[in-house]
Amino acid sequence: MRSTPATLERSADWVLSSVTLSVATITLNRPRQRNPLDWTTVRRLGELVRQYEADPAVHVVVIRGAGGHFSAGGDMKGYIDLYRDAKAFMQFLVDFHSMLDQIESSSKIYIAVIEGYCVAGGLELLLACDVVLAADSAKIGDAHIGYGQLPGAGGSQRLPRTVGPLRARYLMLTGAIVDSAEAERIGLVSKVVTDAELDAHLQRLLEQMSAASPLGLRGMKHLARIASTTELPDGLRAELDYVFRYATTSADATEGLAAFSEKRKPRFTGT
């Protein structure tokens, strides 16, 4: 389903974004449809990811959904038209893959904030993020199989790497939706808090990250990504090389040691 100028104009507010200090917030904003990830939304997300990647003032990006849900997945009605246009459907998949790859490989830290339903494409977006903060109301799963669909934005590859192959196959083959407690138990989310505490906990997390070294955050994400994509011997060698270069060239690394010695808070500059 190709987007015409009129369609793009009507969908201008489907994805909201804002920047406060070093934190950018992206909000999926079609609450009546539980924030579907249609082609227009995916392309807009890709634009924002590229925009924030190029902005040195942005260190953390928060992605959440409006209306009490993260995302119930793809635009099922729109897929009918896409399936009839092989070229358009392939481009949609390429755009979706590219956007999630950009998030995963970005130097920024991405935090997914999950309320309500996060299924199918919503789960695939979650899996590309670095930290997942979930409310008690979160309901998370793959869910493709129930509608005769397959995960086409990396879910079949990222889910087994996140929760292990046996649990991933169970979730994929049954379409099971798990609650927040189970999602935390199997390592699908980083932290669960009550719905009432969600925003306050997010704010504390953002304050903690804002006080950290931007180079340190980038380095931690880089090392964690190496761990998930390489064999242990290669990962250990990569860590040794990266940490040596970081410690010997970064002012933030030296400042952290000085602050500890002088019993004061570090003053990181991101250099």
C-alpha atoms as a PDB file:
ATOM      1  CA  MET A   1       0.000   0.000   0.000  1.00  0.00           C
ATOM      2  CA  ARG A   2       1.920   3.031  -1.241  1.00  0.00           C
ATOM      3  CA  SER A   3       1.493   6.284   0.680  1.00  0.00           C
ATOM      4  CA  THR A   4       0.155   9.219  -1.330  1.00  0.00           C
ATOM      5  CA  PRO A   5       0.829  12.845  -0.271  1.00  0.00           C
ATOM      6  CA  ALA A   6      -2.707  13.000   1.153  1.00  0.00           C
ATOM      7  CA  THR A   7      -2.105   9.840   3.144  1.00  0.00           C
ATOM      8  CA  LEU A   8       1.153  11.213   4.497  1.00  0.00           C
ATOM      9  CA  GLU A   9      -0.562  14.454   5.479  1.00  0.00           C
ATOM     10  CA  ARG A  10      -3.298  12.602   7.379  1.00  0.00           C
ATOM     11  CA  SER A  11      -0.694  10.419   9.092  1.00  0.00           C
ATOM     12  CA  ALA A  12       1.602  13.271  10.147  1.00  0.00           C
ATOM     13  CA  ASP A  13       0.745  12.802  13.819  1.00  0.00           C
ATOM     14  CA  TRP A  14       0.951   8.981  13.877  1.00  0.00           C
ATOM     15  CA  VAL A  15       4.454   9.277  15.357  1.00  0.00           C
ATOM     16  CA  LEU A  16       5.215  12.070  17.818  1.00  0.00           C
ATOM     17  CA  SER A  17       8.705  13.105  18.865  1.00  0.00           C
ATOM     18  CA  SER A  18      10.351  15.532  21.259  1.00  0.00           C
ATOM     19  CA  VAL A  19      13.773  16.232  22.749  1.00  0.00           C
ATOM     20  CA  THR A  20      14.418  17.354  26.329  1.00  0.00           C
ATOM     21  CA  LEU A  21      18.071  17.917  27.186  1.00  0.00           C
ATOM     22  CA  SER A  22      19.867  14.699  26.143  1.00  0.00           C
ATOM     23  CA  VAL A  23      16.717  12.531  25.895  1.00  0.00           C
ATOM     24  CA  ALA A  24      14.569  12.117  22.791  1.00  0.00           C
ATOM     25  CA  THR A  25      11.099  10.589  23.090  1.00  0.00           C
ATOM     26  CA  ILE A  26       9.252   8.870  20.242  1.00  0.00           C
ATOM     27  CA  THR A  27       5.562   8.093  20.776  1.00  0.00           C
ATOM     28  CA  LEU A  28       3.531   5.801  18.523  1.00  0.00           C
ATOM     29  CA  ASN A  29       0.286   7.710  18.281  1.00  0.00           C
ATOM     30  CA  ARG A  30      -2.603   5.713  16.866  1.00  0.00           C
ATOM     31  CA  PRO A  31      -4.151   4.624  20.178  1.00  0.00           C
ATOM     32  CA  ARG A  32      -7.531   3.613  18.737  1.00  0.00           C
ATOM     33  CA  GLN A  33      -5.759   0.970  16.621  1.00  0.00           C
ATOM     34  CA  ARG A  34      -3.264   0.105  19.408  1.00  0.00           C
ATOM     35  CA  ASN A  35      -0.444   1.823  17.524  1.00  0.00           C
ATOM     36  CA  PRO A  36       0.077  -0.400  14.465  1.00  0.00           C
ATOM     37  CA  LEU A  37       3.428  -0.407  12.696  1.00  0.00           C
ATOM     38  CA  ASP A  38       2.265   0.295   9.156  1.00  0.00           C
ATOM     39  CA  TRP A  39       4.665   1.274   6.386  1.00  0.00           C
ATOM     40  CA  THR A  40       4.264   5.031   6.921  1.00  0.00           C
ATOM     41  CA  THR A  41       4.980   4.649  10.638  1.00  0.00           C
ATOM     42  CA  VAL A  42       8.017   2.445  10.014  1.00  0.00           C
ATOM     43  CA  ARG A  43       9.487   4.957   7.574  1.00  0.00           C
ATOM     44  CA  ARG A  44       8.883   7.822  10.005  1.00  0.00           C
ATOM     45  CA  LEU A  45      10.587   5.855  12.771  1.00  0.00           C
ATOM     46  CA  GLY A  46      13.550   5.315  10.448  1.00  0.00           C
ATOM     47  CA  GLU A  47      13.750   9.042   9.743  1.00  0.00           C
ATOM     48  CA  LEU A  48      13.754   9.858  13.456  1.00  0.00           C
ATOM     49  CA  VAL A  49      16.382   7.228  14.252  1.00  0.00           C
ATOM     50  CA  ARG A  50      18.674   8.693  11.577  1.00  0.00           C
ATOM     51  CA  GLN A  51      17.971  12.213  12.834  1.00  0.00           C
ATOM     52  CA  TYR A  52      18.842  11.389  16.434  1.00  0.00           C
ATOM     53  CA  GLU A  53      21.889   9.357  15.442  1.00  0.00           C
ATOM     54  CA  ALA A  54      23.280  12.494  13.785  1.00  0.00           C
ATOM     55  CA  ASP A  55      22.510  14.711  16.815  1.00  0.00           C
ATOM     56  CA  PRO A  56      25.421  14.699  19.309  1.00  0.00           C
ATOM     57  CA  ALA A  57      23.201  16.253  21.987  1.00  0.00           C
ATOM     58  CA  VAL A  58      20.940  13.178  22.119  1.00  0.00           C
ATOM     59  CA  HIS A  59      22.270  10.316  24.247  1.00  0.00           C
ATOM     60  CA  VAL A  60      19.101   8.324  25.031  1.00  0.00           C
ATOM     61  CA  VAL A  61      15.966   7.642  22.976  1.00  0.00           C
ATOM     62  CA  VAL A  62      12.704   6.500  24.592  1.00  0.00           C
ATOM     63  CA  ILE A  63      10.085   4.700  22.487  1.00  0.00           C
ATOM     64  CA  ARG A  64       6.569   4.239  23.847  1.00  0.00           C
ATOM     65  CA  GLY A  65       2.953   4.045  22.712  1.00  0.00           C
ATOM     66  CA  ALA A  66      -0.015   6.319  23.337  1.00  0.00           C
ATOM     67  CA  GLY A  67      -3.290   5.214  24.888  1.00  0.00           C
ATOM     68  CA  GLY A  68      -2.076   2.525  27.266  1.00  0.00           C
ATOM     69  CA  HIS A  69      -0.583   0.170  24.653  1.00  0.00           C
ATOM     70  CA  PHE A  70       2.875  -0.070  23.065  1.00  0.00           C
ATOM     71  CA  SER A  71       1.989  -1.655  19.722  1.00  0.00           C
ATOM     72  CA  ALA A  72      -0.307  -4.492  18.699  1.00  0.00           C
ATOM     73  CA  GLY A  73       1.858  -5.133  15.643  1.00  0.00           C
ATOM     74  CA  GLY A  74       1.352  -4.606  11.943  1.00  0.00           C
ATOM     75  CA  ASP A  75      -1.464  -3.029  10.007  1.00  0.00           C
ATOM     76  CA  MET A  76      -3.353  -6.228   9.134  1.00  0.00           C
ATOM     77  CA  LYS A  77      -5.730  -4.585   6.649  1.00  0.00           C
ATOM     78  CA  GLY A  78      -2.861  -2.788   4.962  1.00  0.00           C
ATOM     79  CA  TYR A  79      -0.967  -6.049   4.568  1.00  0.00           C
ATOM     80  CA  ILE A  80      -3.669  -7.349   2.227  1.00  0.00           C
ATOM     81  CA  ASP A  81      -2.764  -4.652  -0.302  1.00  0.00           C
ATOM     82  CA  LEU A  82       0.965  -5.082   0.312  1.00  0.00           C
ATOM     83  CA  TYR A  83       0.799  -8.826  -0.318  1.00  0.00           C
ATOM     84  CA  ARG A  84      -0.661  -8.080  -3.758  1.00  0.00           C
ATOM     85  CA  ASP A  85       2.312  -5.869  -4.635  1.00  0.00           C
ATOM     86  CA  ALA A  86       5.456  -7.971  -4.262  1.00  0.00           C
ATOM     87  CA  LYS A  87       7.834  -5.064  -4.876  1.00  0.00           C
ATOM     88  CA  ALA A  88       6.114  -2.842  -2.314  1.00  0.00           C
ATOM     89  CA  PHE A  89       5.964  -5.624   0.267  1.00  0.00           C
ATOM     90  CA  MET A  90       9.672  -6.370  -0.076  1.00  0.00           C
ATOM     91  CA  GLN A  91      10.477  -2.670   0.316  1.00  0.00           C
ATOM     92  CA  PHE A  92       8.323  -2.517   3.457  1.00  0.00           C
ATOM     93  CA  LEU A  93      10.250  -5.454   4.941  1.00  0.00           C
ATOM     94  CA  VAL A  94      13.577  -3.870   3.972  1.00  0.00           C
ATOM     95  CA  ASP A  95      12.543  -0.570   5.577  1.00  0.00           C
ATOM     96  CA  PHE A  96      11.399  -2.344   8.768  1.00  0.00           C
ATOM     97  CA  HIS A  97      14.611  -4.383   8.970  1.00  0.00           C
ATOM     98  CA  SER A  98      16.738  -1.315   8.298  1.00  0.00           C
ATOM     99  CA  MET A  99      15.022   0.752  10.981  1.00  0.00           C
ATOM    100  CA  LEU A 100      15.479  -1.947  13.642  1.00  0.00           C
ATOM    101  CA  ASP A 101      19.096  -2.546  12.584  1.00  0.00           C
ATOM    102  CA  GLN A 102      19.726   1.193  12.986  1.00  0.00           C
ATOM    103  CA  ILE A 103      18.343   1.080  16.531  1.00  0.00           C
ATOM    104  CA  GLU A 104      20.358  -1.999  17.444  1.00  0.00           C
ATOM    105  CA  SER A 105      23.628  -0.672  16.032  1.00  0.00           C
ATOM    106  CA  SER A 106      23.076   2.963  17.054  1.00  0.00           C
ATOM    107  CA  SER A 107      25.527   4.650  19.400  1.00  0.00           C
ATOM    108  CA  LYS A 108      22.506   5.912  21.382  1.00  0.00           C
ATOM    109  CA  ILE A 109      20.746   3.980  24.155  1.00  0.00           C
ATOM    110  CA  TYR A 110      17.171   2.987  23.245  1.00  0.00           C
ATOM    111  CA  ILE A 111      14.622   2.382  25.999  1.00  0.00           C
ATOM    112  CA  ALA A 112      11.297   0.715  25.170  1.00  0.00           C
ATOM    113  CA  VAL A 113       8.523   1.579  27.631  1.00  0.00           C
ATOM    114  CA  ILE A 114       5.834  -1.099  27.475  1.00  0.00           C
ATOM    115  CA  GLU A 115       2.235  -0.741  28.599  1.00  0.00           C
ATOM    116  CA  GLY A 116      -0.624  -2.970  27.478  1.00  0.00           C
ATOM    117  CA  TYR A 117      -0.156  -4.987  24.308  1.00  0.00           C
ATOM    118  CA  CYS A 118       3.241  -5.431  22.704  1.00  0.00           C
ATOM    119  CA  VAL A 119       2.905  -8.188  20.114  1.00  0.00           C
ATOM    120  CA  ALA A 120       4.122  -9.198  16.641  1.00  0.00           C
ATOM    121  CA  GLY A 121       5.830  -6.140  15.119  1.00  0.00           C
ATOM    122  CA  GLY A 122       5.668  -4.448  18.517  1.00  0.00           C
ATOM    123  CA  LEU A 123       7.716  -7.298  19.962  1.00  0.00           C
ATOM    124  CA  GLU A 124      10.199  -6.998  17.099  1.00  0.00           C
ATOM    125  CA  LEU A 125      10.648  -3.303  17.927  1.00  0.00           C
ATOM    126  CA  LEU A 126      11.112  -4.152  21.620  1.00  0.00           C
ATOM    127  CA  LEU A 127      13.798  -6.732  20.787  1.00  0.00           C
ATOM    128  CA  ALA A 128      15.948  -4.140  19.013  1.00  0.00           C
ATOM    129  CA  CYS A 129      16.052  -1.850  22.055  1.00  0.00           C
ATOM    130  CA  ASP A 130      18.698  -1.847  24.786  1.00  0.00           C
ATOM    131  CA  VAL A 131      16.511  -1.543  27.887  1.00  0.00           C
ATOM    132  CA  VAL A 132      12.868  -2.603  28.241  1.00  0.00           C
ATOM    133  CA  LEU A 133      10.851  -1.066  31.081  1.00  0.00           C
ATOM    134  CA  ALA A 134       7.441  -2.719  31.437  1.00  0.00           C
ATOM    135  CA  ALA A 135       4.332  -1.879  33.425  1.00  0.00           C
ATOM    136  CA  ASP A 136       2.264  -4.520  35.207  1.00  0.00           C
ATOM    137  CA  SER A 137      -0.309  -4.170  32.412  1.00  0.00           C
ATOM    138  CA  ALA A 138       2.139  -5.332  29.726  1.00  0.00           C
ATOM    139  CA  LYS A 139       1.108  -8.312  27.598  1.00  0.00           C
ATOM    140  CA  ILE A 140       3.907  -9.456  25.303  1.00  0.00           C
ATOM    141  CA  GLY A 141       4.186 -12.133  22.634  1.00  0.00           C
ATOM    142  CA  ASP A 142       4.923 -12.997  19.023  1.00  0.00           C
ATOM    143  CA  ALA A 143       1.308 -13.816  18.043  1.00  0.00           C
ATOM    144  CA  HIS A 144       2.004 -14.100  14.289  1.00  0.00           C
ATOM    145  CA  ILE A 145       1.025 -17.758  14.044  1.00  0.00           C
ATOM    146  CA  GLY A 146      -2.548 -17.154  15.181  1.00  0.00           C
ATOM    147  CA  TYR A 147      -3.198 -15.200  11.993  1.00  0.00           C
ATOM    148  CA  GLY A 148      -1.134 -17.359   9.642  1.00  0.00           C
ATOM    149  CA  GLN A 149       1.702 -14.841   9.568  1.00  0.00           C
ATOM    150  CA  LEU A 150       5.466 -14.995  10.119  1.00  0.00           C
ATOM    151  CA  PRO A 151       7.765 -12.484  11.839  1.00  0.00           C
ATOM    152  CA  GLY A 152       9.337 -10.458   9.040  1.00  0.00           C
ATOM    153  CA  ALA A 153      11.317  -7.777  10.894  1.00  0.00           C
ATOM    154  CA  GLY A 154      13.935  -9.893  12.646  1.00  0.00           C
ATOM    155  CA  GLY A 155      11.776 -11.386  15.384  1.00  0.00           C
ATOM    156  CA  SER A 156      12.578 -14.987  14.463  1.00  0.00           C
ATOM    157  CA  GLN A 157      16.288 -14.231  14.917  1.00  0.00           C
ATOM    158  CA  ARG A 158      16.329 -11.818  17.859  1.00  0.00           C
ATOM    159  CA  LEU A 159      13.804 -13.650  20.053  1.00  0.00           C
ATOM    160  CA  PRO A 160      15.838 -16.905  20.356  1.00  0.00           C
ATOM    161  CA  ARG A 161      18.945 -14.842  21.112  1.00  0.00           C
ATOM    162  CA  THR A 162      17.057 -13.011  23.864  1.00  0.00           C
ATOM    163  CA  VAL A 163      15.113 -15.746  25.695  1.00  0.00           C
ATOM    164  CA  GLY A 164      16.799 -18.891  24.374  1.00  0.00           C
ATOM    165  CA  PRO A 165      15.734 -21.215  21.540  1.00  0.00           C
ATOM    166  CA  LEU A 166      13.294 -23.406  23.500  1.00  0.00           C
ATOM    167  CA  ARG A 167      11.309 -20.538  24.991  1.00  0.00           C
ATOM    168  CA  ALA A 168      11.405 -18.672  21.691  1.00  0.00           C
ATOM    169  CA  ARG A 169      10.038 -21.649  19.770  1.00  0.00           C
ATOM    170  CA  TYR A 170       7.244 -22.028  22.318  1.00  0.00           C
ATOM    171  CA  LEU A 171       6.260 -18.376  21.980  1.00  0.00           C
ATOM    172  CA  MET A 172       6.504 -18.487  18.188  1.00  0.00           C
ATOM    173  CA  LEU A 173       4.732 -21.824  17.642  1.00  0.00           C
ATOM    174  CA  THR A 174       1.876 -21.181  20.070  1.00  0.00           C
ATOM    175  CA  GLY A 175       1.423 -17.436  19.688  1.00  0.00           C
ATOM    176  CA  ALA A 176       1.281 -17.268  23.492  1.00  0.00           C
ATOM    177  CA  ILE A 177       0.993 -13.870  25.150  1.00  0.00           C
ATOM    178  CA  VAL A 178       2.831 -13.611  28.482  1.00  0.00           C
ATOM    179  CA  ASP A 179       2.190 -11.167  31.300  1.00  0.00           C
ATOM    180  CA  SER A 180       4.814  -8.766  32.616  1.00  0.00           C
ATOM    181  CA  ALA A 181       5.969 -11.044  35.440  1.00  0.00           C
ATOM    182  CA  GLU A 182       6.619 -13.947  33.064  1.00  0.00           C
ATOM    183  CA  ALA A 183       8.288 -11.626  30.557  1.00  0.00           C
ATOM    184  CA  GLU A 184      10.685 -10.465  33.262  1.00  0.00           C
ATOM    185  CA  ARG A 185      11.333 -14.031  34.425  1.00  0.00           C
ATOM    186  CA  ILE A 186      12.388 -15.209  30.975  1.00  0.00           C
ATOM    187  CA  GLY A 187      14.495 -12.136  30.235  1.00  0.00           C
ATOM    188  CA  LEU A 188      12.174 -10.506  27.733  1.00  0.00           C
ATOM    189  CA  VAL A 189      12.018  -7.254  29.721  1.00  0.00           C
ATOM    190  CA  SER A 190      14.619  -5.561  31.900  1.00  0.00           C
ATOM    191  CA  LYS A 191      12.396  -4.331  34.735  1.00  0.00           C
ATOM    192  CA  VAL A 192       8.716  -4.435  35.713  1.00  0.00           C
ATOM    193  CA  VAL A 193       7.031  -1.731  37.782  1.00  0.00           C
ATOM    194  CA  THR A 194       3.410  -0.882  38.504  1.00  0.00           C
ATOM    195  CA  ASP A 195       1.542   1.216  35.975  1.00  0.00           C
ATOM    196  CA  ALA A 196       1.319   4.011  38.539  1.00  0.00           C
ATOM    197  CA  GLU A 197       5.103   3.988  39.048  1.00  0.00           C
ATOM    198  CA  LEU A 198       6.046   3.687  35.380  1.00  0.00           C
ATOM    199  CA  ASP A 199       6.725   7.331  34.550  1.00  0.00           C
ATOM    200  CA  ALA A 200       8.506   8.034  37.828  1.00  0.00           C
ATOM    201  CA  HIS A 201      10.745   4.993  37.403  1.00  0.00           C
ATOM    202  CA  LEU A 202      11.490   5.998  33.819  1.00  0.00           C
ATOM    203  CA  GLN A 203      12.458   9.480  34.988  1.00  0.00           C
ATOM    204  CA  ARG A 204      14.870   8.072  37.585  1.00  0.00           C
ATOM    205  CA  LEU A 205      16.393   5.802  34.957  1.00  0.00           C
ATOM    206  CA  LEU A 206      16.859   8.724  32.575  1.00  0.00           C
ATOM    207  CA  GLU A 207      18.450  10.837  35.313  1.00  0.00           C
ATOM    208  CA  GLN A 208      20.849   8.003  36.089  1.00  0.00           C
ATOM    209  CA  MET A 209      21.848   7.646  32.443  1.00  0.00           C
ATOM    210  CA  SER A 210      22.100  11.411  31.958  1.00  0.00           C
ATOM    211  CA  ALA A 211      24.648  11.533  34.791  1.00  0.00           C
ATOM    212  CA  ALA A 212      26.756   8.805  33.188  1.00  0.00           C
ATOM    213  CA  SER A 213      29.552   9.290  30.686  1.00  0.00           C
ATOM    214  CA  PRO A 214      28.107   9.420  27.144  1.00  0.00           C
ATOM    215  CA  LEU A 215      31.218   7.626  25.906  1.00  0.00           C
ATOM    216  CA  GLY A 216      30.822   5.050  28.665  1.00  0.00           C
ATOM    217  CA  LEU A 217      27.215   4.368  27.679  1.00  0.00           C
ATOM    218  CA  ARG A 218      28.224   4.025  24.040  1.00  0.00           C
ATOM    219  CA  GLY A 219      31.046   1.679  24.977  1.00  0.00           C
ATOM    220  CA  MET A 220      28.825  -0.506  27.155  1.00  0.00           C
ATOM    221  CA  LYS A 221      26.297  -0.878  24.330  1.00  0.00           C
ATOM    222  CA  HIS A 222      29.066  -1.702  21.865  1.00  0.00           C
ATOM    223  CA  LEU A 223      30.572  -4.379  24.111  1.00  0.00           C
ATOM    224  CA  ALA A 224      27.171  -5.925  24.849  1.00  0.00           C
ATOM    225  CA  ARG A 225      26.411  -6.104  21.132  1.00  0.00           C
ATOM    226  CA  ILE A 226      29.731  -7.838  20.487  1.00  0.00           C
ATOM    227  CA  ALA A 227      28.792 -10.429  23.129  1.00  0.00           C
ATOM    228  CA  SER A 228      25.579 -11.282  21.296  1.00  0.00           C
ATOM    229  CA  THR A 229      27.072 -11.440  17.813  1.00  0.00           C
ATOM    230  CA  THR A 230      30.499 -13.105  18.170  1.00  0.00           C
ATOM    231  CA  GLU A 231      32.071 -16.218  19.622  1.00  0.00           C
ATOM    232  CA  LEU A 232      33.603 -15.825  23.108  1.00  0.00           C
ATOM    233  CA  PRO A 233      37.305 -15.774  22.052  1.00  0.00           C
ATOM    234  CA  ASP A 234      36.609 -13.066  19.456  1.00  0.00           C
ATOM    235  CA  GLY A 235      34.517 -11.112  21.928  1.00  0.00           C
ATOM    236  CA  LEU A 236      37.241 -11.211  24.579  1.00  0.00           C
ATOM    237  CA  ARG A 237      39.824  -9.922  22.113  1.00  0.00           C
ATOM    238  CA  ALA A 238      37.466  -7.153  20.995  1.00  0.00           C
ATOM    239  CA  GLU A 239      36.837  -6.159  24.621  1.00  0.00           C
ATOM    240  CA  LEU A 240      40.558  -6.011  25.369  1.00  0.00           C
ATOM    241  CA  ASP A 241      41.225  -3.763  22.387  1.00  0.00           C
ATOM    242  CA  TYR A 242      38.222  -1.486  22.994  1.00  0.00           C
ATOM    243  CA  VAL A 243      38.790  -1.015  26.725  1.00  0.00           C
ATOM    244  CA  PHE A 244      42.504  -0.290  26.208  1.00  0.00           C
ATOM    245  CA  ARG A 245      41.741   2.420  23.652  1.00  0.00           C
ATOM    246  CA  TYR A 246      38.917   3.856  25.785  1.00  0.00           C
ATOM    247  CA  ALA A 247      40.981   4.040  28.978  1.00  0.00           C
ATOM    248  CA  THR A 248      44.014   5.585  27.299  1.00  0.00           C
ATOM    249  CA  THR A 249      42.229   8.136  25.111  1.00  0.00           C
ATOM    250  CA  SER A 250      39.044   9.147  26.977  1.00  0.00           C
ATOM    251  CA  ALA A 251      38.932  12.150  29.294  1.00  0.00           C
ATOM    252  CA  ASP A 252      35.769  10.681  30.838  1.00  0.00           C
ATOM    253  CA  ALA A 253      37.629   7.545  31.937  1.00  0.00           C
ATOM    254  CA  THR A 254      40.283   9.648  33.706  1.00  0.00           C
ATOM    255  CA  GLU A 255      37.649  11.984  35.178  1.00  0.00           C
ATOM    256  CA  GLY A 256      35.777   9.041  36.699  1.00  0.00           C
ATOM    257  CA  LEU A 257      38.887   7.880  38.538  1.00  0.00           C
ATOM    258  CA  ALA A 258      39.699  11.397  39.705  1.00  0.00           C
ATOM    259  CA  ALA A 259      36.156  11.935  41.005  1.00  0.00           C
ATOM    260  CA  PHE A 260      36.299   8.672  42.952  1.00  0.00           C
ATOM    261  CA  SER A 261      39.634   9.629  44.492  1.00  0.00           C
ATOM    262  CA  GLU A 262      38.421  13.129  45.390  1.00  0.00           C
ATOM    263  CA  LYS A 263      35.060  11.861  46.735  1.00  0.00           C
ATOM    264  CA  ARG A 264      32.954  13.991  44.386  1.00  0.00           C
ATOM    265  CA  LYS A 265      30.555  13.442  41.535  1.00  0.00           C
ATOM    266  CA  PRO A 266      32.267  13.100  38.150  1.00  0.00           C
ATOM    267  CA  ARG A 267      31.925  15.874  35.592  1.00  0.00           C
ATOM    268  CA  PHE A 268      31.780  14.013  32.315  1.00  0.00           C
ATOM    269  CA  THR A 269      32.243  15.872  29.040  1.00  0.00           C
ATOM    270  CA  GLY A 270      31.744  13.042  26.580  1.00  0.00           C
ATOM    271  CA  THR A 271      35.335  13.243  25.349  1.00  0.00           C
END
